[in-house]
Amino acid sequence: MKKFLVVSVLLVSLLACSKEKKESLSDIQKREGIPVKVQEVTDQEFSKELYFTSSLGGYKQTSEFSPIATEVSKILAKVGQKVKKGQTILRFPDDKPSANYLQAKSAYDNSAKTYNRMKKVYDKGGISKQNMDNIATQYEVSKANFESASQLVEVTSPIDGVVSAINVSLTDNISQGAFLFTVSDLSKLKTKLYASEAQIMQMKEGQKVRAEWNGVAINGKISELSMSKDPISQSFVCFAEFDNSDMQVLSGVLADIYVRVIDLPKAKVVPFKVVQKDKDGNFVYVVEQNIAKKRYVQVKEQNETMVSVDGLMNGETVVLVGYNMVYDGGKVKVVQ
């Protein structure tokens, strides 16, 4: 009999404990509120960027090709070297028949000596003006011929810039038209972007652009937008320019390009995941004195993770975690 009573008491106790355990979570939430994490509303910067991948090139960039079939006798610059317009980069042999360099140089030297000598005679009245004009004309012709011949044996830089590529080596035998070298103005870089219809509608000239390569970021702007779709790529071609005055980024590299299409210095910003929707519109939950309140908002702009909204005030707290468990008027407990 005693044994039966003891067993009965234990069963009643276990049932009571079991009942308490089943009701504990609900009881706690009713008593203390649904646990939530919140964020205080403040004015924040809000931006949206479009992402592209594109190669960067020199703002001014030109390549030179061999005017004759010959061999390389001298290389007077190296990749990465700054050069001036007209500076000799490569030389070919002077005695190459196709260049006619030595003959042109000899004719020019003789013509220059004759011109200088006869100019003194002319200044003293020793020859007529017509004779002096003929000598001057012959001098100018020989000078032009020599300059043309020089261009066949001395290949110079067409612009101020940096030698970004040299495609030949000393003593190489090269054919006419062979690629020799490239000179780039790397103080600025440019790139071509291919935008979709949705992207081009968000873009305009002057928008901020950022290029990132190998851990280095350079800033620029959209310089040109096409008004019609390219028939080959079926996209809208856009151009961007970047400041590269310290030349940290190389020409020809593939970079990540970010075009900032929205840039708000002050906005009420929340994660877009906390914005819910019902038949009356978009809303979030704010906490007032440990009570969840449904607050309708107007979504203005959206990027990959955040939205800017109207309808919230600085200092209010928006539910970030637990927003899918709370309800309007329900008690909440703010936890860290």
C-alpha atoms as a PDB file:
ATOM      1  CA  MET A   1       0.000   0.000   0.000  1.00  0.00           C
ATOM      2  CA  LYS A   2       2.772   2.425   0.964  1.00  0.00           C
ATOM      3  CA  LYS A   3       4.626   1.521  -2.182  1.00  0.00           C
ATOM      4  CA  PHE A   4       1.558   2.341  -4.271  1.00  0.00           C
ATOM      5  CA  LEU A   5       1.159   5.735  -2.606  1.00  0.00           C
ATOM      6  CA  VAL A   6       4.791   6.615  -3.217  1.00  0.00           C
ATOM      7  CA  VAL A   7       4.506   5.721  -6.915  1.00  0.00           C
ATOM      8  CA  SER A   8       1.299   7.762  -7.226  1.00  0.00           C
ATOM      9  CA  VAL A   9       2.935  10.812  -5.666  1.00  0.00           C
ATOM     10  CA  LEU A  10       5.927  10.529  -8.022  1.00  0.00           C
ATOM     11  CA  LEU A  11       3.648  10.295 -11.086  1.00  0.00           C
ATOM     12  CA  VAL A  12       1.677  13.357 -10.030  1.00  0.00           C
ATOM     13  CA  SER A  13       4.942  15.263  -9.495  1.00  0.00           C
ATOM     14  CA  LEU A  14       6.313  14.249 -12.900  1.00  0.00           C
ATOM     15  CA  LEU A  15       3.090  15.273 -14.638  1.00  0.00           C
ATOM     16  CA  ALA A  16       3.175  18.627 -12.888  1.00  0.00           C
ATOM     17  CA  CYS A  17       6.806  19.183 -13.889  1.00  0.00           C
ATOM     18  CA  SER A  18       6.038  18.142 -17.457  1.00  0.00           C
ATOM     19  CA  LYS A  19       3.157  20.618 -17.604  1.00  0.00           C
ATOM     20  CA  GLU A  20       5.382  23.387 -16.287  1.00  0.00           C
ATOM     21  CA  LYS A  21       8.049  22.660 -18.907  1.00  0.00           C
ATOM     22  CA  LYS A  22       5.540  22.766 -21.788  1.00  0.00           C
ATOM     23  CA  GLU A  23       4.200  26.133 -20.669  1.00  0.00           C
ATOM     24  CA  SER A  24       7.497  27.728 -19.656  1.00  0.00           C
ATOM     25  CA  LEU A  25       8.443  29.333 -23.013  1.00  0.00           C
ATOM     26  CA  SER A  26       4.981  30.759 -23.545  1.00  0.00           C
ATOM     27  CA  ASP A  27       4.769  31.934 -19.961  1.00  0.00           C
ATOM     28  CA  ILE A  28       8.180  33.619 -20.163  1.00  0.00           C
ATOM     29  CA  GLN A  29       7.283  35.417 -23.384  1.00  0.00           C
ATOM     30  CA  LYS A  30       3.979  36.595 -21.938  1.00  0.00           C
ATOM     31  CA  ARG A  31       5.665  37.763 -18.793  1.00  0.00           C
ATOM     32  CA  GLU A  32       8.923  39.203 -20.153  1.00  0.00           C
ATOM     33  CA  GLY A  33       8.191  39.653 -23.855  1.00  0.00           C
ATOM     34  CA  ILE A  34       9.482  38.143 -27.103  1.00  0.00           C
ATOM     35  CA  PRO A  35      13.272  38.595 -27.255  1.00  0.00           C
ATOM     36  CA  VAL A  36      14.387  40.948 -30.072  1.00  0.00           C
ATOM     37  CA  LYS A  37      17.443  42.876 -31.196  1.00  0.00           C
ATOM     38  CA  VAL A  38      16.985  46.439 -32.333  1.00  0.00           C
ATOM     39  CA  GLN A  39      18.787  49.255 -34.157  1.00  0.00           C
ATOM     40  CA  GLU A  40      18.419  52.930 -33.394  1.00  0.00           C
ATOM     41  CA  VAL A  41      17.359  55.077 -36.333  1.00  0.00           C
ATOM     42  CA  THR A  42      19.930  57.750 -37.268  1.00  0.00           C
ATOM     43  CA  ASP A  43      20.788  59.723 -40.396  1.00  0.00           C
ATOM     44  CA  GLN A  44      23.263  57.677 -42.433  1.00  0.00           C
ATOM     45  CA  GLU A  45      24.952  57.809 -45.798  1.00  0.00           C
ATOM     46  CA  PHE A  46      23.238  55.627 -48.363  1.00  0.00           C
ATOM     47  CA  SER A  47      24.642  54.603 -51.694  1.00  0.00           C
ATOM     48  CA  LYS A  48      24.000  52.153 -54.480  1.00  0.00           C
ATOM     49  CA  GLU A  49      26.643  50.905 -56.906  1.00  0.00           C
ATOM     50  CA  LEU A  50      26.488  48.998 -60.170  1.00  0.00           C
ATOM     51  CA  TYR A  51      29.218  46.410 -60.651  1.00  0.00           C
ATOM     52  CA  PHE A  52      31.208  45.751 -63.835  1.00  0.00           C
ATOM     53  CA  THR A  53      34.441  43.997 -64.755  1.00  0.00           C
ATOM     54  CA  SER A  54      36.554  45.727 -67.375  1.00  0.00           C
ATOM     55  CA  SER A  55      40.154  46.314 -68.453  1.00  0.00           C
ATOM     56  CA  LEU A  56      41.860  49.661 -67.855  1.00  0.00           C
ATOM     57  CA  GLY A  57      43.906  51.432 -70.488  1.00  0.00           C
ATOM     58  CA  GLY A  58      45.954  54.593 -70.714  1.00  0.00           C
ATOM     59  CA  TYR A  59      43.939  57.754 -71.299  1.00  0.00           C
ATOM     60  CA  LYS A  60      46.214  58.352 -74.285  1.00  0.00           C
ATOM     61  CA  GLN A  61      47.831  55.252 -75.695  1.00  0.00           C
ATOM     62  CA  THR A  62      49.545  54.592 -78.996  1.00  0.00           C
ATOM     63  CA  SER A  63      51.570  51.774 -80.496  1.00  0.00           C
ATOM     64  CA  GLU A  64      54.348  52.021 -83.089  1.00  0.00           C
ATOM     65  CA  PHE A  65      55.053  49.553 -85.908  1.00  0.00           C
ATOM     66  CA  SER A  66      58.170  48.986 -87.991  1.00  0.00           C
ATOM     67  CA  PRO A  67      58.239  51.077 -91.195  1.00  0.00           C
ATOM     68  CA  ILE A  68      60.710  48.666 -92.881  1.00  0.00           C
ATOM     69  CA  ALA A  69      61.982  45.104 -92.689  1.00  0.00           C
ATOM     70  CA  THR A  70      65.219  45.280 -90.739  1.00  0.00           C
ATOM     71  CA  GLU A  71      66.907  44.350 -87.460  1.00  0.00           C
ATOM     72  CA  VAL A  72      66.902  46.107 -84.096  1.00  0.00           C
ATOM     73  CA  SER A  73      70.274  47.713 -83.420  1.00  0.00           C
ATOM     74  CA  LYS A  74      69.451  49.689 -80.270  1.00  0.00           C
ATOM     75  CA  ILE A  75      66.714  49.793 -77.619  1.00  0.00           C
ATOM     76  CA  LEU A  76      66.956  53.109 -75.787  1.00  0.00           C
ATOM     77  CA  ALA A  77      64.105  52.740 -73.298  1.00  0.00           C
ATOM     78  CA  LYS A  78      62.583  50.068 -71.099  1.00  0.00           C
ATOM     79  CA  VAL A  79      59.103  49.166 -69.923  1.00  0.00           C
ATOM     80  CA  GLY A  80      57.958  51.495 -67.145  1.00  0.00           C
ATOM     81  CA  GLN A  81      60.240  54.344 -68.210  1.00  0.00           C
ATOM     82  CA  LYS A  82      58.810  57.833 -68.637  1.00  0.00           C
ATOM     83  CA  VAL A  83      59.478  59.279 -72.086  1.00  0.00           C
ATOM     84  CA  LYS A  84      58.830  62.547 -73.904  1.00  0.00           C
ATOM     85  CA  LYS A  85      57.215  63.086 -77.280  1.00  0.00           C
ATOM     86  CA  GLY A  86      59.894  62.742 -79.972  1.00  0.00           C
ATOM     87  CA  GLN A  87      62.290  60.758 -77.761  1.00  0.00           C
ATOM     88  CA  THR A  88      63.976  57.881 -79.600  1.00  0.00           C
ATOM     89  CA  ILE A  89      62.868  54.470 -78.334  1.00  0.00           C
ATOM     90  CA  LEU A  90      64.360  52.122 -80.971  1.00  0.00           C
ATOM     91  CA  ARG A  91      67.045  52.410 -83.641  1.00  0.00           C
ATOM     92  CA  PHE A  92      67.636  50.393 -86.779  1.00  0.00           C
ATOM     93  CA  PRO A  93      70.930  50.162 -88.736  1.00  0.00           C
ATOM     94  CA  ASP A  94      71.886  53.349 -90.611  1.00  0.00           C
ATOM     95  CA  ASP A  95      73.143  51.459 -93.652  1.00  0.00           C
ATOM     96  CA  LYS A  96      69.899  49.669 -94.478  1.00  0.00           C
ATOM     97  CA  PRO A  97      69.419  50.321 -98.233  1.00  0.00           C
ATOM     98  CA  SER A  98      65.646  50.626 -97.948  1.00  0.00           C
ATOM     99  CA  ALA A  99      66.044  53.459 -95.450  1.00  0.00           C
ATOM    100  CA  ASN A 100      68.329  55.559 -97.672  1.00  0.00           C
ATOM    101  CA  TYR A 101      69.481  57.159 -94.426  1.00  0.00           C
ATOM    102  CA  LEU A 102      73.179  57.662 -95.160  1.00  0.00           C
ATOM    103  CA  GLN A 103      72.538  59.204 -98.578  1.00  0.00           C
ATOM    104  CA  ALA A 104      69.880  61.532 -97.178  1.00  0.00           C
ATOM    105  CA  LYS A 105      72.140  62.554 -94.293  1.00  0.00           C
ATOM    106  CA  SER A 106      75.049  63.302 -96.658  1.00  0.00           C
ATOM    107  CA  ALA A 107      72.833  65.401 -98.924  1.00  0.00           C
ATOM    108  CA  TYR A 108      71.409  67.291 -95.964  1.00  0.00           C
ATOM    109  CA  ASP A 109      74.837  67.978 -94.426  1.00  0.00           C
ATOM    110  CA  ASN A 110      76.148  69.332 -97.747  1.00  0.00           C
ATOM    111  CA  SER A 111      73.051  71.409 -98.325  1.00  0.00           C
ATOM    112  CA  ALA A 112      73.254  72.868 -94.821  1.00  0.00           C
ATOM    113  CA  LYS A 113      76.896  73.870 -95.315  1.00  0.00           C
ATOM    114  CA  THR A 114      76.101  75.458 -98.678  1.00  0.00           C
ATOM    115  CA  TYR A 115      73.134  77.332 -97.244  1.00  0.00           C
ATOM    116  CA  ASN A 116      75.108  78.716 -94.280  1.00  0.00           C
ATOM    117  CA  ARG A 117      78.020  79.753 -96.505  1.00  0.00           C
ATOM    118  CA  MET A 118      75.907  81.387 -99.195  1.00  0.00           C
ATOM    119  CA  LYS A 119      73.748  83.142 -96.599  1.00  0.00           C
ATOM    120  CA  LYS A 120      76.802  85.109 -95.509  1.00  0.00           C
ATOM    121  CA  VAL A 121      77.593  85.941 -99.137  1.00  0.00           C
ATOM    122  CA  TYR A 122      73.998  87.031 -99.718  1.00  0.00           C
ATOM    123  CA  ASP A 123      74.017  89.241 -96.604  1.00  0.00           C
ATOM    124  CA  LYS A 124      77.032  91.086 -98.134  1.00  0.00           C
ATOM    125  CA  GLY A 125      75.266  91.467-101.496  1.00  0.00           C
ATOM    126  CA  GLY A 126      77.389  88.865-103.251  1.00  0.00           C
ATOM    127  CA  ILE A 127      74.476  86.922-104.832  1.00  0.00           C
ATOM    128  CA  SER A 128      70.956  87.749-105.937  1.00  0.00           C
ATOM    129  CA  LYS A 129      67.844  87.041-103.898  1.00  0.00           C
ATOM    130  CA  GLN A 130      66.657  84.559-106.519  1.00  0.00           C
ATOM    131  CA  ASN A 131      69.833  82.517-106.190  1.00  0.00           C
ATOM    132  CA  MET A 132      69.537  82.617-102.405  1.00  0.00           C
ATOM    133  CA  ASP A 133      65.924  81.455-102.604  1.00  0.00           C
ATOM    134  CA  ASN A 134      66.957  78.512-104.811  1.00  0.00           C
ATOM    135  CA  ILE A 135      69.656  77.525-102.313  1.00  0.00           C
ATOM    136  CA  ALA A 136      67.192  77.823 -99.433  1.00  0.00           C
ATOM    137  CA  THR A 137      64.652  75.650-101.277  1.00  0.00           C
ATOM    138  CA  GLN A 138      67.261  72.977-101.945  1.00  0.00           C
ATOM    139  CA  TYR A 139      68.203  73.086 -98.257  1.00  0.00           C
ATOM    140  CA  GLU A 140      64.580  72.640 -97.124  1.00  0.00           C
ATOM    141  CA  VAL A 141      64.078  69.719 -99.526  1.00  0.00           C
ATOM    142  CA  SER A 142      67.215  67.918 -98.332  1.00  0.00           C
ATOM    143  CA  LYS A 143      66.203  68.571 -94.736  1.00  0.00           C
ATOM    144  CA  ALA A 144      62.740  67.057 -95.309  1.00  0.00           C
ATOM    145  CA  ASN A 145      64.276  64.040 -97.056  1.00  0.00           C
ATOM    146  CA  PHE A 146      66.673  63.505 -94.168  1.00  0.00           C
ATOM    147  CA  GLU A 147      63.844  63.755 -91.619  1.00  0.00           C
ATOM    148  CA  SER A 148      61.843  61.171 -93.566  1.00  0.00           C
ATOM    149  CA  ALA A 149      64.851  58.846 -93.734  1.00  0.00           C
ATOM    150  CA  SER A 150      65.491  59.367 -90.017  1.00  0.00           C
ATOM    151  CA  GLN A 151      61.985  58.156 -89.235  1.00  0.00           C
ATOM    152  CA  LEU A 152      62.886  54.868 -90.928  1.00  0.00           C
ATOM    153  CA  VAL A 153      65.849  54.212 -88.619  1.00  0.00           C
ATOM    154  CA  GLU A 154      64.793  56.044 -85.444  1.00  0.00           C
ATOM    155  CA  VAL A 155      61.383  55.200 -83.994  1.00  0.00           C
ATOM    156  CA  THR A 156      60.320  57.865 -81.509  1.00  0.00           C
ATOM    157  CA  SER A 157      57.578  58.225 -78.922  1.00  0.00           C
ATOM    158  CA  PRO A 158      54.521  59.961 -80.381  1.00  0.00           C
ATOM    159  CA  ILE A 159      53.354  61.272 -76.974  1.00  0.00           C
ATOM    160  CA  ASP A 160      54.560  62.063 -73.464  1.00  0.00           C
ATOM    161  CA  GLY A 161      53.962  58.999 -71.305  1.00  0.00           C
ATOM    162  CA  VAL A 162      55.294  55.703 -70.060  1.00  0.00           C
ATOM    163  CA  VAL A 163      56.592  52.814 -72.149  1.00  0.00           C
ATOM    164  CA  SER A 164      53.999  50.183 -71.323  1.00  0.00           C
ATOM    165  CA  ALA A 165      55.167  47.451 -73.707  1.00  0.00           C
ATOM    166  CA  ILE A 166      58.187  46.591 -75.890  1.00  0.00           C
ATOM    167  CA  ASN A 167      57.628  43.684 -78.237  1.00  0.00           C
ATOM    168  CA  VAL A 168      61.144  43.250 -79.702  1.00  0.00           C
ATOM    169  CA  SER A 169      64.629  42.438 -78.462  1.00  0.00           C
ATOM    170  CA  LEU A 170      68.082  43.576 -79.526  1.00  0.00           C
ATOM    171  CA  THR A 171      69.235  42.087 -82.898  1.00  0.00           C
ATOM    172  CA  ASP A 172      65.725  40.774 -83.682  1.00  0.00           C
ATOM    173  CA  ASN A 173      65.017  40.550 -87.412  1.00  0.00           C
ATOM    174  CA  ILE A 174      61.590  42.045 -87.917  1.00  0.00           C
ATOM    175  CA  SER A 175      59.250  42.421 -90.851  1.00  0.00           C
ATOM    176  CA  GLN A 176      57.673  45.615 -92.088  1.00  0.00           C
ATOM    177  CA  GLY A 177      54.596  46.443 -90.009  1.00  0.00           C
ATOM    178  CA  ALA A 178      55.752  44.448 -86.972  1.00  0.00           C
ATOM    179  CA  PHE A 179      54.530  45.735 -83.589  1.00  0.00           C
ATOM    180  CA  LEU A 180      57.402  47.481 -81.784  1.00  0.00           C
ATOM    181  CA  PHE A 181      56.235  49.188 -78.593  1.00  0.00           C
ATOM    182  CA  THR A 182      53.388  51.016 -76.851  1.00  0.00           C
ATOM    183  CA  VAL A 183      53.530  54.325 -75.000  1.00  0.00           C
ATOM    184  CA  SER A 184      50.696  55.195 -72.615  1.00  0.00           C
ATOM    185  CA  ASP A 185      49.744  58.276 -70.669  1.00  0.00           C
ATOM    186  CA  LEU A 186      49.074  56.519 -67.361  1.00  0.00           C
ATOM    187  CA  SER A 187      48.376  59.656 -65.328  1.00  0.00           C
ATOM    188  CA  LYS A 188      44.791  58.937 -66.315  1.00  0.00           C
ATOM    189  CA  LEU A 189      43.170  55.622 -67.129  1.00  0.00           C
ATOM    190  CA  LYS A 190      40.006  54.888 -69.037  1.00  0.00           C
ATOM    191  CA  THR A 191      37.706  51.939 -69.460  1.00  0.00           C
ATOM    192  CA  LYS A 192      34.755  50.875 -71.585  1.00  0.00           C
ATOM    193  CA  LEU A 193      31.669  49.478 -69.835  1.00  0.00           C
ATOM    194  CA  TYR A 194      28.804  47.503 -71.360  1.00  0.00           C
ATOM    195  CA  ALA A 195      25.557  48.319 -69.547  1.00  0.00           C
ATOM    196  CA  SER A 196      22.185  46.605 -69.730  1.00  0.00           C
ATOM    197  CA  GLU A 197      18.946  48.519 -70.264  1.00  0.00           C
ATOM    198  CA  ALA A 198      18.221  48.428 -66.531  1.00  0.00           C
ATOM    199  CA  GLN A 199      21.715  49.713 -65.734  1.00  0.00           C
ATOM    200  CA  ILE A 200      21.845  52.494 -68.324  1.00  0.00           C
ATOM    201  CA  MET A 201      18.592  53.930 -66.964  1.00  0.00           C
ATOM    202  CA  GLN A 202      20.360  54.529 -63.637  1.00  0.00           C
ATOM    203  CA  MET A 203      23.531  56.047 -65.076  1.00  0.00           C
ATOM    204  CA  LYS A 204      24.454  59.582 -66.113  1.00  0.00           C
ATOM    205  CA  GLU A 205      27.578  61.545 -66.977  1.00  0.00           C
ATOM    206  CA  GLY A 206      29.613  62.732 -64.015  1.00  0.00           C
ATOM    207  CA  GLN A 207      28.640  59.900 -61.654  1.00  0.00           C
ATOM    208  CA  LYS A 208      31.392  58.715 -59.330  1.00  0.00           C
ATOM    209  CA  VAL A 209      33.221  55.555 -60.373  1.00  0.00           C
ATOM    210  CA  ARG A 210      35.736  53.427 -58.475  1.00  0.00           C
ATOM    211  CA  ALA A 211      38.157  50.892 -59.940  1.00  0.00           C
ATOM    212  CA  GLU A 212      39.809  48.262 -57.734  1.00  0.00           C
ATOM    213  CA  TRP A 213      42.791  46.167 -58.778  1.00  0.00           C
ATOM    214  CA  ASN A 214      45.313  44.218 -56.707  1.00  0.00           C
ATOM    215  CA  GLY A 215      44.186  45.932 -53.496  1.00  0.00           C
ATOM    216  CA  VAL A 216      44.485  49.431 -54.991  1.00  0.00           C
ATOM    217  CA  ALA A 217      41.464  51.697 -55.585  1.00  0.00           C
ATOM    218  CA  ILE A 218      41.366  54.721 -57.905  1.00  0.00           C
ATOM    219  CA  ASN A 219      38.484  57.137 -58.337  1.00  0.00           C
ATOM    220  CA  GLY A 220      36.963  58.583 -61.451  1.00  0.00           C
ATOM    221  CA  LYS A 221      33.724  59.523 -63.163  1.00  0.00           C
ATOM    222  CA  ILE A 222      31.471  58.518 -66.041  1.00  0.00           C
ATOM    223  CA  SER A 223      32.657  60.548 -69.026  1.00  0.00           C
ATOM    224  CA  GLU A 224      30.334  59.380 -71.807  1.00  0.00           C
ATOM    225  CA  LEU A 225      27.127  57.380 -72.234  1.00  0.00           C
ATOM    226  CA  SER A 226      25.800  55.977 -75.484  1.00  0.00           C
ATOM    227  CA  MET A 227      22.234  56.809 -76.485  1.00  0.00           C
ATOM    228  CA  SER A 228      21.642  53.636 -78.479  1.00  0.00           C
ATOM    229  CA  LYS A 229      22.334  49.938 -78.051  1.00  0.00           C
ATOM    230  CA  ASP A 230      25.476  48.494 -79.608  1.00  0.00           C
ATOM    231  CA  PRO A 231      24.283  45.963 -82.225  1.00  0.00           C
ATOM    232  CA  ILE A 232      27.144  43.542 -81.588  1.00  0.00           C
ATOM    233  CA  SER A 233      27.148  43.352 -77.787  1.00  0.00           C
ATOM    234  CA  GLN A 234      23.444  44.224 -77.474  1.00  0.00           C
ATOM    235  CA  SER A 235      24.339  46.592 -74.627  1.00  0.00           C
ATOM    236  CA  PHE A 236      24.919  50.291 -74.070  1.00  0.00           C
ATOM    237  CA  VAL A 237      28.568  51.347 -74.282  1.00  0.00           C
ATOM    238  CA  CYS A 238      29.784  53.730 -71.565  1.00  0.00           C
ATOM    239  CA  PHE A 239      33.186  55.265 -70.835  1.00  0.00           C
ATOM    240  CA  ALA A 240      34.785  56.139 -67.510  1.00  0.00           C
ATOM    241  CA  GLU A 241      37.985  58.035 -66.672  1.00  0.00           C
ATOM    242  CA  PHE A 242      40.154  57.630 -63.567  1.00  0.00           C
ATOM    243  CA  ASP A 243      42.874  59.648 -61.874  1.00  0.00           C
ATOM    244  CA  ASN A 244      46.055  57.575 -61.736  1.00  0.00           C
ATOM    245  CA  SER A 245      48.561  60.362 -61.076  1.00  0.00           C
ATOM    246  CA  ASP A 246      50.615  58.186 -58.722  1.00  0.00           C
ATOM    247  CA  MET A 247      50.561  55.387 -61.355  1.00  0.00           C
ATOM    248  CA  GLN A 248      49.733  52.610 -58.915  1.00  0.00           C
ATOM    249  CA  VAL A 249      47.513  50.841 -61.455  1.00  0.00           C
ATOM    250  CA  LEU A 250      48.960  49.391 -64.669  1.00  0.00           C
ATOM    251  CA  SER A 251      47.529  49.692 -68.134  1.00  0.00           C
ATOM    252  CA  GLY A 252      45.763  46.633 -69.502  1.00  0.00           C
ATOM    253  CA  VAL A 253      44.801  45.074 -66.153  1.00  0.00           C
ATOM    254  CA  LEU A 254      41.338  43.639 -65.462  1.00  0.00           C
ATOM    255  CA  ALA A 255      39.678  45.596 -62.660  1.00  0.00           C
ATOM    256  CA  ASP A 256      36.446  45.618 -60.667  1.00  0.00           C
ATOM    257  CA  ILE A 257      34.450  48.736 -61.571  1.00  0.00           C
ATOM    258  CA  TYR A 258      31.812  50.246 -59.273  1.00  0.00           C
ATOM    259  CA  VAL A 259      29.524  52.993 -60.586  1.00  0.00           C
ATOM    260  CA  ARG A 260      27.770  54.939 -57.803  1.00  0.00           C
ATOM    261  CA  VAL A 261      24.261  55.617 -59.095  1.00  0.00           C
ATOM    262  CA  ILE A 262      22.755  56.702 -55.761  1.00  0.00           C
ATOM    263  CA  ASP A 263      24.588  58.841 -53.230  1.00  0.00           C
ATOM    264  CA  LEU A 264      22.499  60.195 -50.331  1.00  0.00           C
ATOM    265  CA  PRO A 265      24.456  61.974 -47.561  1.00  0.00           C
ATOM    266  CA  LYS A 266      21.551  61.612 -45.093  1.00  0.00           C
ATOM    267  CA  ALA A 267      18.893  58.927 -45.095  1.00  0.00           C
ATOM    268  CA  LYS A 268      16.898  56.712 -42.749  1.00  0.00           C
ATOM    269  CA  VAL A 269      18.363  53.298 -43.551  1.00  0.00           C
ATOM    270  CA  VAL A 270      17.311  49.783 -42.486  1.00  0.00           C
ATOM    271  CA  PRO A 271      18.108  46.291 -43.798  1.00  0.00           C
ATOM    272  CA  PHE A 272      15.638  45.447 -46.551  1.00  0.00           C
ATOM    273  CA  LYS A 273      14.934  42.055 -44.925  1.00  0.00           C
ATOM    274  CA  VAL A 274      13.135  43.722 -41.980  1.00  0.00           C
ATOM    275  CA  VAL A 275      10.699  45.548 -44.278  1.00  0.00           C
ATOM    276  CA  GLN A 276       7.504  43.498 -44.497  1.00  0.00           C
ATOM    277  CA  LYS A 277       4.380  44.050 -46.536  1.00  0.00           C
ATOM    278  CA  ASP A 278       0.659  43.656 -46.048  1.00  0.00           C
ATOM    279  CA  LYS A 279      -2.409  44.901 -47.886  1.00  0.00           C
ATOM    280  CA  ASP A 280      -1.810  48.459 -46.624  1.00  0.00           C
ATOM    281  CA  GLY A 281       1.827  48.708 -47.687  1.00  0.00           C
ATOM    282  CA  ASN A 282       5.385  48.273 -46.413  1.00  0.00           C
ATOM    283  CA  PHE A 283       6.050  48.301 -42.675  1.00  0.00           C
ATOM    284  CA  VAL A 284       8.638  47.642 -39.989  1.00  0.00           C
ATOM    285  CA  TYR A 285       8.306  47.041 -36.269  1.00  0.00           C
ATOM    286  CA  VAL A 286       9.539  49.682 -33.851  1.00  0.00           C
ATOM    287  CA  VAL A 287       9.781  49.268 -30.089  1.00  0.00           C
ATOM    288  CA  GLU A 288       8.069  51.744 -27.731  1.00  0.00           C
ATOM    289  CA  GLN A 289       8.290  51.021 -23.994  1.00  0.00           C
ATOM    290  CA  ASN A 290       8.860  47.312 -24.647  1.00  0.00           C
ATOM    291  CA  ILE A 291       5.857  47.088 -26.968  1.00  0.00           C
ATOM    292  CA  ALA A 292       6.157  46.277 -30.700  1.00  0.00           C
ATOM    293  CA  LYS A 293       4.430  48.812 -32.933  1.00  0.00           C
ATOM    294  CA  LYS A 294       3.743  48.334 -36.641  1.00  0.00           C
ATOM    295  CA  ARG A 295       5.072  51.377 -38.513  1.00  0.00           C
ATOM    296  CA  TYR A 296       4.259  51.890 -42.187  1.00  0.00           C
ATOM    297  CA  VAL A 297       7.132  53.279 -44.272  1.00  0.00           C
ATOM    298  CA  GLN A 298       7.737  54.386 -47.846  1.00  0.00           C
ATOM    299  CA  VAL A 299      10.707  52.692 -49.510  1.00  0.00           C
ATOM    300  CA  LYS A 300      12.700  55.296 -51.497  1.00  0.00           C
ATOM    301  CA  GLU A 301      15.876  53.544 -52.689  1.00  0.00           C
ATOM    302  CA  GLN A 302      17.333  50.062 -52.378  1.00  0.00           C
ATOM    303  CA  ASN A 303      20.789  48.536 -52.810  1.00  0.00           C
ATOM    304  CA  GLU A 304      21.989  44.971 -52.323  1.00  0.00           C
ATOM    305  CA  THR A 305      21.274  44.828 -48.570  1.00  0.00           C
ATOM    306  CA  MET A 306      19.704  48.075 -47.355  1.00  0.00           C
ATOM    307  CA  VAL A 307      16.807  50.413 -48.112  1.00  0.00           C
ATOM    308  CA  SER A 308      16.273  54.087 -47.421  1.00  0.00           C
ATOM    309  CA  VAL A 309      12.784  54.860 -46.144  1.00  0.00           C
ATOM    310  CA  ASP A 310      10.477  57.672 -45.131  1.00  0.00           C
ATOM    311  CA  GLY A 311       8.287  57.271 -42.057  1.00  0.00           C
ATOM    312  CA  LEU A 312      10.872  56.802 -39.321  1.00  0.00           C
ATOM    313  CA  MET A 313      12.361  59.349 -36.925  1.00  0.00           C
ATOM    314  CA  ASN A 314      15.822  59.623 -35.411  1.00  0.00           C
ATOM    315  CA  GLY A 315      16.007  57.915 -32.025  1.00  0.00           C
ATOM    316  CA  GLU A 316      13.363  55.286 -32.755  1.00  0.00           C
ATOM    317  CA  THR A 317      14.392  51.640 -32.523  1.00  0.00           C
ATOM    318  CA  VAL A 318      13.629  49.185 -35.322  1.00  0.00           C
ATOM    319  CA  VAL A 319      13.435  45.432 -34.725  1.00  0.00           C
ATOM    320  CA  LEU A 320      16.297  43.716 -36.585  1.00  0.00           C
ATOM    321  CA  VAL A 321      16.140  40.210 -35.102  1.00  0.00           C
ATOM    322  CA  GLY A 322      12.825  38.631 -34.131  1.00  0.00           C
ATOM    323  CA  TYR A 323      10.787  40.814 -36.504  1.00  0.00           C
ATOM    324  CA  ASN A 324       9.074  37.700 -37.885  1.00  0.00           C
ATOM    325  CA  MET A 325       7.904  36.658 -34.389  1.00  0.00           C
ATOM    326  CA  VAL A 326       6.516  39.907 -32.984  1.00  0.00           C
ATOM    327  CA  TYR A 327       3.100  41.432 -33.639  1.00  0.00           C
ATOM    328  CA  ASP A 328       1.547  44.845 -33.307  1.00  0.00           C
ATOM    329  CA  GLY A 329       0.989  45.580 -29.641  1.00  0.00           C
ATOM    330  CA  GLY A 330       2.926  42.533 -28.447  1.00  0.00           C
ATOM    331  CA  LYS A 331       5.360  42.739 -25.542  1.00  0.00           C
ATOM    332  CA  VAL A 332       9.060  42.416 -26.429  1.00  0.00           C
ATOM    333  CA  LYS A 333      12.308  42.150 -24.555  1.00  0.00           C
ATOM    334  CA  VAL A 334      15.304  43.916 -26.060  1.00  0.00           C
ATOM    335  CA  VAL A 335      18.473  41.814 -25.791  1.00  0.00           C
ATOM    336  CA  GLN A 336      22.038  42.630 -26.787  1.00  0.00           C
END
